[in-house]
């Protein structure tokens, strides 16, 4: 099955050897997004603002693929401080309605550029 590269300037450009997303059939694999402002390529400040920026970045890539956050079937959240778990849940509630995607929240030692949060996702398009 052919692979299609998905990219948008409304999300941060890749900072490594990866694509923002790859579409295979009706499934779209979104690469991890950290809270970089796509215009400045700088991290936003504060955990809540970082979580919001990550969801905005995922949203932009999902839309570039022809979908939306509502099409996410699986979401992975990586946190450098699991003490931010409640905040990420509250921010997520602004972007999703039931049925919520399947999800994992994982504590990690460090993330690129000193980010406090990173997320990747799998979309399934109708």
Protein backbone atom coordinates (compact mmCIF):
# COMPACT_ATOMS: atom_id res chain seq x y z
CA UNK A 1 0.00 0.00 0.00
CA UNK A 2 1.45 3.43 -0.90
CA UNK A 3 2.51 5.90 1.77
CA UNK A 4 1.67 9.60 1.53
CA UNK A 5 3.64 12.23 3.40
CA UNK A 6 1.44 14.76 5.22
CA UNK A 7 2.89 18.17 6.05
CA UNK A 8 1.69 21.64 6.94
CA UNK A 9 3.31 24.94 7.82
CA UNK A 10 0.62 25.36 10.51
CA UNK A 11 2.58 22.91 12.70
CA UNK A 12 6.30 22.95 13.51
CA UNK A 13 8.62 21.70 10.81
CA UNK A 14 10.27 18.37 11.55
CA UNK A 15 13.46 18.82 13.61
CA UNK A 16 14.85 15.44 12.64
CA UNK A 17 14.63 12.62 10.14
CA UNK A 18 10.85 12.17 10.20
CA UNK A 19 7.66 13.40 8.56
CA UNK A 20 4.90 15.27 10.41
CA UNK A 21 2.60 12.39 9.44
CA UNK A 22 2.34 9.43 7.08
CA UNK A 23 -0.95 8.25 5.59
CA UNK A 24 -1.33 4.58 4.68
CA UNK A 25 -4.79 3.73 3.39
CA UNK A 26 -7.28 5.39 5.74
CA UNK A 27 -4.84 5.42 8.67
CA UNK A 28 -2.68 8.44 9.47
CA UNK A 29 0.30 8.13 11.82
CA UNK A 30 1.08 11.51 13.41
CA UNK A 31 4.64 11.98 14.62
CA UNK A 32 5.29 13.27 18.09
CA UNK A 33 4.59 16.95 18.58
CA UNK A 34 6.27 19.07 21.20
CA UNK A 35 5.05 22.58 22.13
CA UNK A 36 6.91 24.51 19.47
CA UNK A 37 5.19 27.58 18.08
CA UNK A 38 5.21 26.88 14.32
CA UNK A 39 6.00 30.51 13.45
CA UNK A 40 8.99 30.98 15.77
CA UNK A 41 10.01 27.32 16.29
CA UNK A 42 10.46 28.22 19.98
CA UNK A 43 8.94 26.38 22.96
CA UNK A 44 5.97 28.10 24.58
CA UNK A 45 6.29 28.78 28.33
CA UNK A 46 4.41 26.99 31.15
CA UNK A 47 2.94 23.51 31.26
CA UNK A 48 -0.68 24.38 30.42
CA UNK A 49 0.42 26.52 27.46
CA UNK A 50 2.67 23.69 26.32
CA UNK A 51 -0.20 21.17 26.43
CA UNK A 52 -2.43 23.57 24.46
CA UNK A 53 0.28 24.12 21.84
CA UNK A 54 0.80 20.38 21.40
CA UNK A 55 -2.93 19.85 20.80
CA UNK A 56 -2.95 22.78 18.35
CA UNK A 57 0.01 21.24 16.50
CA UNK A 58 -1.67 17.82 16.35
CA UNK A 59 -4.88 19.49 15.17
CA UNK A 60 -3.04 21.25 12.33
CA UNK A 61 -1.44 18.02 11.12
CA UNK A 62 -4.73 16.10 11.42
CA UNK A 63 -6.46 18.77 9.33
CA UNK A 64 -3.67 18.65 6.73
CA UNK A 65 -4.39 14.92 6.44
CA UNK A 66 -8.09 15.63 5.81
CA UNK A 67 -9.24 14.76 9.32
CA UNK A 68 -9.64 16.27 12.75
CA UNK A 69 -8.81 15.50 16.36
CA UNK A 70 -12.13 13.63 16.50
CA UNK A 71 -10.59 11.05 14.12
CA UNK A 72 -7.83 10.12 16.59
CA UNK A 73 -8.19 6.49 17.58
CA UNK A 74 -5.02 6.33 19.75
CA UNK A 75 -3.19 9.11 21.57
CA UNK A 76 0.11 8.78 23.41
CA UNK A 77 1.11 11.45 25.91
CA UNK A 78 4.65 11.68 27.25
CA UNK A 79 5.19 13.80 30.39
CA UNK A 80 8.43 14.71 32.15
CA UNK A 81 6.39 15.25 35.35
CA UNK A 82 3.40 12.99 36.03
CA UNK A 83 2.28 15.67 38.50
CA UNK A 84 0.92 17.44 35.39
CA UNK A 85 -1.46 14.55 34.65
CA UNK A 86 -4.58 16.40 35.92
CA UNK A 87 -3.71 19.49 33.90
CA UNK A 88 -3.21 17.53 30.69
CA UNK A 89 -6.60 15.84 31.29
CA UNK A 90 -8.27 19.24 31.74
CA UNK A 91 -6.66 20.64 28.58
CA UNK A 92 -7.56 17.48 26.66
CA UNK A 93 -11.22 17.94 27.66
CA UNK A 94 -11.21 21.21 25.68
CA UNK A 95 -10.28 19.37 22.49
CA UNK A 96 -12.16 16.04 22.70
CA UNK A 97 -15.68 14.83 23.32
CA UNK A 98 -16.84 11.29 23.97
CA UNK A 99 -16.07 8.79 22.71
CA UNK A 100 -12.51 9.69 23.72
CA UNK A 101 -9.58 8.08 21.92
CA UNK A 102 -7.67 5.21 23.46
CA UNK A 103 -4.75 6.76 25.33
CA UNK A 104 -1.54 6.18 27.22
CA UNK A 105 0.15 8.72 29.50
CA UNK A 106 3.78 7.88 30.12
CA UNK A 107 6.33 9.47 32.43
CA UNK A 108 9.71 10.04 30.77
CA UNK A 109 13.03 11.47 31.97
CA UNK A 110 13.42 14.08 29.22
CA UNK A 111 11.96 15.29 25.93
CA UNK A 112 13.46 17.16 22.96
CA UNK A 113 14.38 20.83 23.50
CA UNK A 114 13.47 20.61 27.19
CA UNK A 115 9.76 20.23 26.49
CA UNK A 116 7.53 19.10 29.36
CA UNK A 117 5.09 17.23 27.09
CA UNK A 118 5.02 15.41 23.75
CA UNK A 119 2.16 13.61 22.04
CA UNK A 120 1.76 11.40 19.00
CA UNK A 121 -1.41 9.91 17.57
CA UNK A 122 -3.03 7.54 15.10
CA UNK A 123 -5.99 8.82 13.09
CA UNK A 124 -8.46 6.66 11.21
CA UNK A 125 -10.26 8.54 8.44
CA UNK A 126 -13.73 7.54 7.29
